[in-house]
N, C-alpha and C. Protein backbone atom coordinates (compact mmCIF):
# COMPACT_ATOMS: atom_id res chain seq x y z
N MET A 1 0.49 28.81 4.62
CA MET A 1 -0.05 28.49 3.31
C MET A 1 -0.24 26.97 3.20
N THR A 2 -1.41 26.55 2.74
CA THR A 2 -1.69 25.12 2.64
C THR A 2 -1.14 24.57 1.33
N HIS A 3 -0.82 23.30 1.38
CA HIS A 3 -0.30 22.62 0.19
C HIS A 3 -1.45 22.32 -0.76
N ASP A 4 -1.32 22.68 -2.01
CA ASP A 4 -2.31 22.36 -3.03
C ASP A 4 -1.83 21.11 -3.76
N PRO A 5 -2.53 19.98 -3.64
CA PRO A 5 -2.06 18.75 -4.26
C PRO A 5 -2.04 18.79 -5.78
N PHE A 6 -2.60 19.85 -6.37
CA PHE A 6 -2.60 19.93 -7.82
C PHE A 6 -1.51 20.83 -8.37
N GLU A 7 -0.63 21.35 -7.50
CA GLU A 7 0.51 22.12 -7.99
C GLU A 7 1.39 21.18 -8.81
N THR A 8 1.93 21.68 -9.88
CA THR A 8 2.73 20.84 -10.76
C THR A 8 4.02 20.36 -10.11
N SER A 9 4.48 21.05 -9.08
CA SER A 9 5.74 20.65 -8.44
C SER A 9 5.56 19.46 -7.50
N GLY A 10 4.34 19.20 -7.05
CA GLY A 10 4.09 18.11 -6.10
C GLY A 10 3.63 16.84 -6.78
N GLU A 11 3.49 15.82 -5.97
CA GLU A 11 2.95 14.55 -6.46
C GLU A 11 1.45 14.69 -6.66
N PRO A 12 0.89 14.03 -7.67
CA PRO A 12 -0.56 14.10 -7.86
C PRO A 12 -1.27 13.34 -6.73
N PRO A 13 -2.48 13.77 -6.37
CA PRO A 13 -3.24 13.04 -5.36
C PRO A 13 -3.55 11.62 -5.85
N VAL A 14 -3.52 10.67 -4.94
CA VAL A 14 -3.78 9.27 -5.27
C VAL A 14 -5.21 8.94 -4.85
N ILE A 15 -6.00 8.46 -5.82
CA ILE A 15 -7.38 8.08 -5.54
C ILE A 15 -7.54 6.58 -5.75
N LEU A 16 -8.22 5.96 -4.81
CA LEU A 16 -8.62 4.56 -4.95
C LEU A 16 -10.02 4.55 -5.53
N LEU A 17 -10.16 3.98 -6.71
CA LEU A 17 -11.42 3.95 -7.45
C LEU A 17 -11.99 2.55 -7.38
N VAL A 18 -13.16 2.40 -6.75
CA VAL A 18 -13.77 1.08 -6.53
C VAL A 18 -15.06 1.02 -7.35
N GLU A 19 -15.04 0.20 -8.39
CA GLU A 19 -16.18 0.10 -9.32
C GLU A 19 -16.17 -1.28 -9.96
N ASP A 20 -17.31 -1.99 -9.88
CA ASP A 20 -17.36 -3.36 -10.41
C ASP A 20 -17.62 -3.41 -11.91
N ASP A 21 -18.15 -2.35 -12.49
CA ASP A 21 -18.41 -2.31 -13.92
C ASP A 21 -17.13 -1.88 -14.64
N GLY A 22 -16.55 -2.81 -15.40
CA GLY A 22 -15.26 -2.55 -16.04
C GLY A 22 -15.23 -1.32 -16.92
N LEU A 23 -16.30 -1.09 -17.68
CA LEU A 23 -16.35 0.07 -18.57
C LEU A 23 -16.41 1.36 -17.76
N LEU A 24 -17.25 1.40 -16.72
CA LEU A 24 -17.34 2.59 -15.88
C LEU A 24 -16.04 2.83 -15.13
N LEU A 25 -15.40 1.76 -14.68
CA LEU A 25 -14.10 1.88 -14.01
C LEU A 25 -13.08 2.52 -14.94
N MET A 26 -13.02 2.03 -16.17
CA MET A 26 -12.07 2.55 -17.15
C MET A 26 -12.37 4.02 -17.48
N GLU A 27 -13.64 4.34 -17.69
CA GLU A 27 -14.00 5.73 -18.02
C GLU A 27 -13.67 6.68 -16.88
N ALA A 28 -14.03 6.30 -15.64
CA ALA A 28 -13.74 7.16 -14.49
C ALA A 28 -12.24 7.31 -14.30
N ALA A 29 -11.51 6.20 -14.45
CA ALA A 29 -10.05 6.26 -14.29
C ALA A 29 -9.43 7.20 -15.32
N ASP A 30 -9.86 7.09 -16.57
CA ASP A 30 -9.34 7.97 -17.62
C ASP A 30 -9.64 9.44 -17.32
N THR A 31 -10.87 9.71 -16.87
CA THR A 31 -11.26 11.08 -16.53
C THR A 31 -10.38 11.63 -15.42
N LEU A 32 -10.14 10.81 -14.39
CA LEU A 32 -9.37 11.27 -13.25
C LEU A 32 -7.88 11.42 -13.56
N VAL A 33 -7.34 10.52 -14.36
CA VAL A 33 -5.94 10.65 -14.79
C VAL A 33 -5.77 11.93 -15.60
N ASP A 34 -6.72 12.19 -16.52
CA ASP A 34 -6.66 13.41 -17.32
C ASP A 34 -6.75 14.67 -16.45
N ALA A 35 -7.42 14.55 -15.29
CA ALA A 35 -7.58 15.69 -14.39
C ALA A 35 -6.41 15.85 -13.41
N GLY A 36 -5.43 14.94 -13.50
CA GLY A 36 -4.24 15.10 -12.68
C GLY A 36 -4.13 14.19 -11.47
N PHE A 37 -5.03 13.21 -11.37
CA PHE A 37 -4.95 12.25 -10.27
C PHE A 37 -4.10 11.05 -10.66
N ARG A 38 -3.56 10.38 -9.66
CA ARG A 38 -3.00 9.04 -9.86
C ARG A 38 -4.06 8.07 -9.37
N VAL A 39 -4.43 7.08 -10.17
CA VAL A 39 -5.58 6.22 -9.88
C VAL A 39 -5.13 4.79 -9.60
N LEU A 40 -5.62 4.26 -8.49
CA LEU A 40 -5.51 2.83 -8.18
C LEU A 40 -6.91 2.26 -8.34
N GLU A 41 -7.03 1.11 -9.01
CA GLU A 41 -8.34 0.55 -9.33
C GLU A 41 -8.62 -0.72 -8.54
N ALA A 42 -9.89 -0.86 -8.11
CA ALA A 42 -10.34 -2.08 -7.45
C ALA A 42 -11.73 -2.42 -7.99
N PRO A 43 -11.95 -3.68 -8.40
CA PRO A 43 -13.25 -4.06 -8.94
C PRO A 43 -14.29 -4.38 -7.89
N GLN A 44 -13.89 -4.46 -6.61
CA GLN A 44 -14.84 -4.72 -5.53
C GLN A 44 -14.20 -4.36 -4.19
N ALA A 45 -15.03 -4.37 -3.13
CA ALA A 45 -14.61 -3.84 -1.83
C ALA A 45 -13.44 -4.61 -1.21
N ASP A 46 -13.43 -5.94 -1.32
CA ASP A 46 -12.37 -6.72 -0.71
C ASP A 46 -11.00 -6.37 -1.30
N LYS A 47 -10.95 -6.19 -2.61
CA LYS A 47 -9.71 -5.78 -3.27
C LYS A 47 -9.31 -4.37 -2.82
N ALA A 48 -10.31 -3.50 -2.66
CA ALA A 48 -10.03 -2.14 -2.20
C ALA A 48 -9.39 -2.16 -0.81
N LEU A 49 -9.88 -3.00 0.07
CA LEU A 49 -9.31 -3.10 1.42
C LEU A 49 -7.87 -3.59 1.37
N THR A 50 -7.59 -4.56 0.50
CA THR A 50 -6.22 -5.05 0.34
C THR A 50 -5.30 -3.91 -0.12
N ILE A 51 -5.77 -3.13 -1.07
CA ILE A 51 -4.97 -1.99 -1.57
C ILE A 51 -4.75 -0.98 -0.45
N LEU A 52 -5.79 -0.67 0.32
CA LEU A 52 -5.66 0.29 1.42
C LEU A 52 -4.67 -0.19 2.48
N GLU A 53 -4.68 -1.48 2.77
CA GLU A 53 -3.78 -2.02 3.78
C GLU A 53 -2.33 -2.00 3.33
N ARG A 54 -2.08 -2.00 2.04
CA ARG A 54 -0.72 -2.05 1.49
C ARG A 54 -0.19 -0.71 1.03
N ASN A 55 -1.02 0.33 1.00
CA ASN A 55 -0.61 1.63 0.48
C ASN A 55 -0.94 2.72 1.48
N GLU A 56 0.07 3.44 1.93
CA GLU A 56 -0.15 4.56 2.83
C GLU A 56 -0.31 5.87 2.06
N GLU A 57 -0.22 5.80 0.74
CA GLU A 57 -0.22 7.02 -0.06
C GLU A 57 -1.60 7.41 -0.59
N ILE A 58 -2.65 6.68 -0.26
CA ILE A 58 -3.97 6.96 -0.81
C ILE A 58 -4.54 8.22 -0.15
N ASP A 59 -4.92 9.18 -0.99
CA ASP A 59 -5.42 10.47 -0.51
C ASP A 59 -6.94 10.50 -0.41
N LEU A 60 -7.65 9.76 -1.26
CA LEU A 60 -9.09 9.72 -1.23
C LEU A 60 -9.61 8.47 -1.92
N MET A 61 -10.89 8.16 -1.68
CA MET A 61 -11.49 6.96 -2.27
C MET A 61 -12.85 7.31 -2.85
N MET A 62 -13.12 6.72 -4.00
CA MET A 62 -14.43 6.82 -4.64
C MET A 62 -14.95 5.41 -4.80
N THR A 63 -16.17 5.15 -4.34
CA THR A 63 -16.73 3.81 -4.46
C THR A 63 -18.15 3.83 -4.99
N ASP A 64 -18.45 2.84 -5.81
CA ASP A 64 -19.81 2.57 -6.24
C ASP A 64 -20.51 1.87 -5.08
N VAL A 65 -21.83 1.90 -5.06
CA VAL A 65 -22.58 1.23 -3.99
C VAL A 65 -22.83 -0.23 -4.32
N ASP A 66 -23.42 -0.49 -5.48
CA ASP A 66 -23.85 -1.84 -5.83
C ASP A 66 -22.71 -2.63 -6.43
N MET A 67 -22.13 -3.54 -5.63
CA MET A 67 -21.05 -4.40 -6.10
C MET A 67 -21.39 -5.84 -5.67
N PRO A 68 -21.99 -6.62 -6.58
CA PRO A 68 -22.45 -7.97 -6.22
C PRO A 68 -21.33 -8.93 -5.80
N GLN A 69 -20.13 -8.71 -6.29
CA GLN A 69 -19.01 -9.57 -5.92
C GLN A 69 -18.37 -9.04 -4.65
N GLY A 70 -17.89 -9.93 -3.80
CA GLY A 70 -17.21 -9.49 -2.59
C GLY A 70 -18.10 -9.54 -1.37
N SER A 71 -17.54 -9.15 -0.25
CA SER A 71 -18.21 -9.32 1.03
C SER A 71 -19.06 -8.13 1.47
N MET A 72 -18.99 -7.00 0.76
CA MET A 72 -19.75 -5.82 1.20
C MET A 72 -20.04 -4.90 0.03
N ASP A 73 -21.06 -4.05 0.23
CA ASP A 73 -21.37 -3.04 -0.79
C ASP A 73 -20.57 -1.77 -0.52
N GLY A 74 -20.78 -0.77 -1.34
CA GLY A 74 -20.02 0.47 -1.23
C GLY A 74 -20.31 1.26 0.04
N PHE A 75 -21.54 1.19 0.55
CA PHE A 75 -21.85 1.88 1.80
C PHE A 75 -21.05 1.28 2.95
N ALA A 76 -21.05 -0.05 3.04
CA ALA A 76 -20.29 -0.72 4.10
C ALA A 76 -18.80 -0.41 3.97
N LEU A 77 -18.29 -0.41 2.73
CA LEU A 77 -16.89 -0.07 2.51
C LEU A 77 -16.60 1.36 2.96
N ALA A 78 -17.48 2.29 2.60
CA ALA A 78 -17.29 3.69 2.98
C ALA A 78 -17.24 3.84 4.51
N ARG A 79 -18.15 3.16 5.21
CA ARG A 79 -18.16 3.25 6.68
C ARG A 79 -16.88 2.64 7.27
N LEU A 80 -16.44 1.51 6.71
CA LEU A 80 -15.22 0.86 7.21
C LEU A 80 -13.99 1.74 6.98
N VAL A 81 -13.89 2.32 5.80
CA VAL A 81 -12.75 3.20 5.49
C VAL A 81 -12.77 4.43 6.40
N ALA A 82 -13.94 5.00 6.63
CA ALA A 82 -14.04 6.17 7.51
C ALA A 82 -13.60 5.82 8.93
N HIS A 83 -13.85 4.60 9.36
CA HIS A 83 -13.46 4.16 10.70
C HIS A 83 -11.97 3.83 10.78
N ARG A 84 -11.46 3.05 9.82
CA ARG A 84 -10.06 2.59 9.87
C ARG A 84 -9.06 3.61 9.35
N TRP A 85 -9.47 4.40 8.37
CA TRP A 85 -8.60 5.40 7.76
C TRP A 85 -9.34 6.74 7.75
N PRO A 86 -9.53 7.35 8.90
CA PRO A 86 -10.38 8.56 8.99
C PRO A 86 -9.85 9.76 8.21
N THR A 87 -8.58 9.74 7.81
CA THR A 87 -8.04 10.88 7.05
C THR A 87 -8.32 10.76 5.55
N ILE A 88 -8.89 9.64 5.10
CA ILE A 88 -9.17 9.45 3.68
C ILE A 88 -10.61 9.86 3.40
N PRO A 89 -10.83 10.96 2.66
CA PRO A 89 -12.19 11.34 2.29
C PRO A 89 -12.81 10.30 1.35
N VAL A 90 -14.12 10.13 1.47
CA VAL A 90 -14.82 9.11 0.70
C VAL A 90 -15.93 9.76 -0.13
N LEU A 91 -15.95 9.42 -1.42
CA LEU A 91 -17.04 9.80 -2.31
C LEU A 91 -17.76 8.53 -2.71
N VAL A 92 -19.09 8.51 -2.53
CA VAL A 92 -19.92 7.37 -2.89
C VAL A 92 -20.75 7.76 -4.11
N VAL A 93 -20.80 6.86 -5.10
CA VAL A 93 -21.62 7.09 -6.29
C VAL A 93 -22.56 5.91 -6.48
N SER A 94 -23.76 6.20 -7.00
CA SER A 94 -24.71 5.12 -7.24
C SER A 94 -25.79 5.56 -8.21
N GLY A 95 -26.23 4.61 -9.00
CA GLY A 95 -27.38 4.81 -9.86
C GLY A 95 -28.64 4.19 -9.28
N MET A 96 -28.56 3.73 -8.04
CA MET A 96 -29.66 2.98 -7.42
C MET A 96 -30.48 3.84 -6.45
N GLY A 97 -30.38 5.14 -6.50
CA GLY A 97 -31.12 5.99 -5.58
C GLY A 97 -30.20 6.67 -4.60
N THR A 98 -30.78 7.45 -3.71
CA THR A 98 -29.99 8.21 -2.75
C THR A 98 -29.81 7.42 -1.45
N PRO A 99 -28.75 7.71 -0.72
CA PRO A 99 -28.48 6.97 0.51
C PRO A 99 -29.49 7.29 1.62
N GLY A 100 -29.70 6.30 2.48
CA GLY A 100 -30.55 6.49 3.64
C GLY A 100 -29.78 7.18 4.75
N PRO A 101 -30.44 7.46 5.88
CA PRO A 101 -29.83 8.25 6.94
C PRO A 101 -28.60 7.61 7.59
N HIS A 102 -28.48 6.30 7.56
CA HIS A 102 -27.34 5.65 8.22
C HIS A 102 -26.39 4.96 7.23
N ASP A 103 -26.59 5.20 5.93
CA ASP A 103 -25.76 4.54 4.92
C ASP A 103 -24.35 5.11 4.85
N MET A 104 -24.25 6.44 4.94
CA MET A 104 -22.98 7.12 4.69
C MET A 104 -22.26 7.48 5.98
N PRO A 105 -20.92 7.36 5.99
CA PRO A 105 -20.19 7.84 7.17
C PRO A 105 -20.17 9.37 7.19
N GLU A 106 -19.92 9.92 8.35
CA GLU A 106 -19.84 11.37 8.49
C GLU A 106 -18.72 11.91 7.60
N GLY A 107 -19.02 12.99 6.89
CA GLY A 107 -18.02 13.63 6.04
C GLY A 107 -17.96 13.10 4.62
N ALA A 108 -18.60 11.96 4.35
CA ALA A 108 -18.60 11.41 2.99
C ALA A 108 -19.55 12.23 2.11
N ARG A 109 -19.27 12.21 0.82
CA ARG A 109 -20.12 12.89 -0.16
C ARG A 109 -20.75 11.84 -1.06
N PHE A 110 -21.89 12.20 -1.68
CA PHE A 110 -22.61 11.31 -2.58
C PHE A 110 -22.88 12.03 -3.89
N ILE A 111 -22.66 11.32 -5.00
CA ILE A 111 -23.02 11.81 -6.33
C ILE A 111 -23.83 10.70 -7.01
N PRO A 112 -25.04 11.03 -7.52
CA PRO A 112 -25.82 10.02 -8.23
C PRO A 112 -25.24 9.76 -9.63
N LYS A 113 -25.40 8.52 -10.09
CA LYS A 113 -25.04 8.17 -11.47
C LYS A 113 -26.28 8.36 -12.33
N PRO A 114 -26.13 8.70 -13.59
CA PRO A 114 -24.86 9.04 -14.22
C PRO A 114 -24.41 10.44 -13.79
N TYR A 115 -23.11 10.59 -13.62
CA TYR A 115 -22.56 11.88 -13.21
C TYR A 115 -21.80 12.48 -14.39
N ALA A 116 -21.75 13.80 -14.40
CA ALA A 116 -20.95 14.49 -15.41
C ALA A 116 -19.49 14.42 -14.99
N PRO A 117 -18.58 14.13 -15.91
CA PRO A 117 -17.17 14.05 -15.55
C PRO A 117 -16.66 15.29 -14.82
N ASN A 118 -17.12 16.49 -15.22
CA ASN A 118 -16.63 17.71 -14.56
C ASN A 118 -17.13 17.80 -13.11
N THR A 119 -18.33 17.27 -12.82
CA THR A 119 -18.83 17.24 -11.45
C THR A 119 -17.97 16.31 -10.60
N LEU A 120 -17.64 15.16 -11.16
CA LEU A 120 -16.78 14.20 -10.46
C LEU A 120 -15.42 14.83 -10.14
N VAL A 121 -14.80 15.42 -11.13
CA VAL A 121 -13.47 16.01 -10.96
C VAL A 121 -13.51 17.15 -9.95
N ARG A 122 -14.51 18.02 -10.07
CA ARG A 122 -14.63 19.17 -9.15
C ARG A 122 -14.79 18.69 -7.71
N THR A 123 -15.63 17.70 -7.48
CA THR A 123 -15.86 17.17 -6.12
C THR A 123 -14.60 16.54 -5.56
N LEU A 124 -13.91 15.74 -6.36
CA LEU A 124 -12.71 15.07 -5.88
C LEU A 124 -11.55 16.05 -5.67
N ARG A 125 -11.47 17.07 -6.50
CA ARG A 125 -10.43 18.09 -6.28
C ARG A 125 -10.66 18.82 -4.97
N ALA A 126 -11.92 19.14 -4.67
CA ALA A 126 -12.23 19.80 -3.39
C ALA A 126 -11.87 18.88 -2.23
N PHE A 127 -12.16 17.59 -2.35
CA PHE A 127 -11.79 16.62 -1.32
C PHE A 127 -10.29 16.56 -1.15
N ALA A 128 -9.56 16.51 -2.26
CA ALA A 128 -8.09 16.39 -2.20
C ALA A 128 -7.49 17.62 -1.53
N ARG A 129 -8.01 18.78 -1.83
CA ARG A 129 -7.49 20.00 -1.22
C ARG A 129 -7.80 20.02 0.27
N ARG A 130 -8.97 19.54 0.65
CA ARG A 130 -9.34 19.51 2.06
C ARG A 130 -8.45 18.54 2.84
N ALA A 131 -8.05 17.44 2.18
CA ALA A 131 -7.24 16.42 2.85
C ALA A 131 -5.77 16.82 2.93
N ALA A 132 -5.35 17.77 2.09
CA ALA A 132 -3.93 18.14 2.02
C ALA A 132 -3.47 18.85 3.28
């Protein structure tokens, strides 16, 4: 029997949420906390990498693509995370169009913005169960 990370007896799945827009970061974090996740927040990719290097408990990551601050965009971050932490599923979100053929790492998922909160939660729950 596989472990379901949403069972009330276990720890909630930990998601690293990478979003440069403060309002969107807050809204997504609130949605995910209400859905049973524990959320770590990063306003850009460099901060996300620092969090990943210091925390072994991260179960999945969600990143925006367009982040003007920092050394890389969300696609580059997703590829780096897939390479360095291959057990962490990655969800990429963007309002700037769909990804090209080499933008996303293998196994990553994409949701266009604006997204419905229930679509976000459903996708991340499926990721968390797959990673468990």
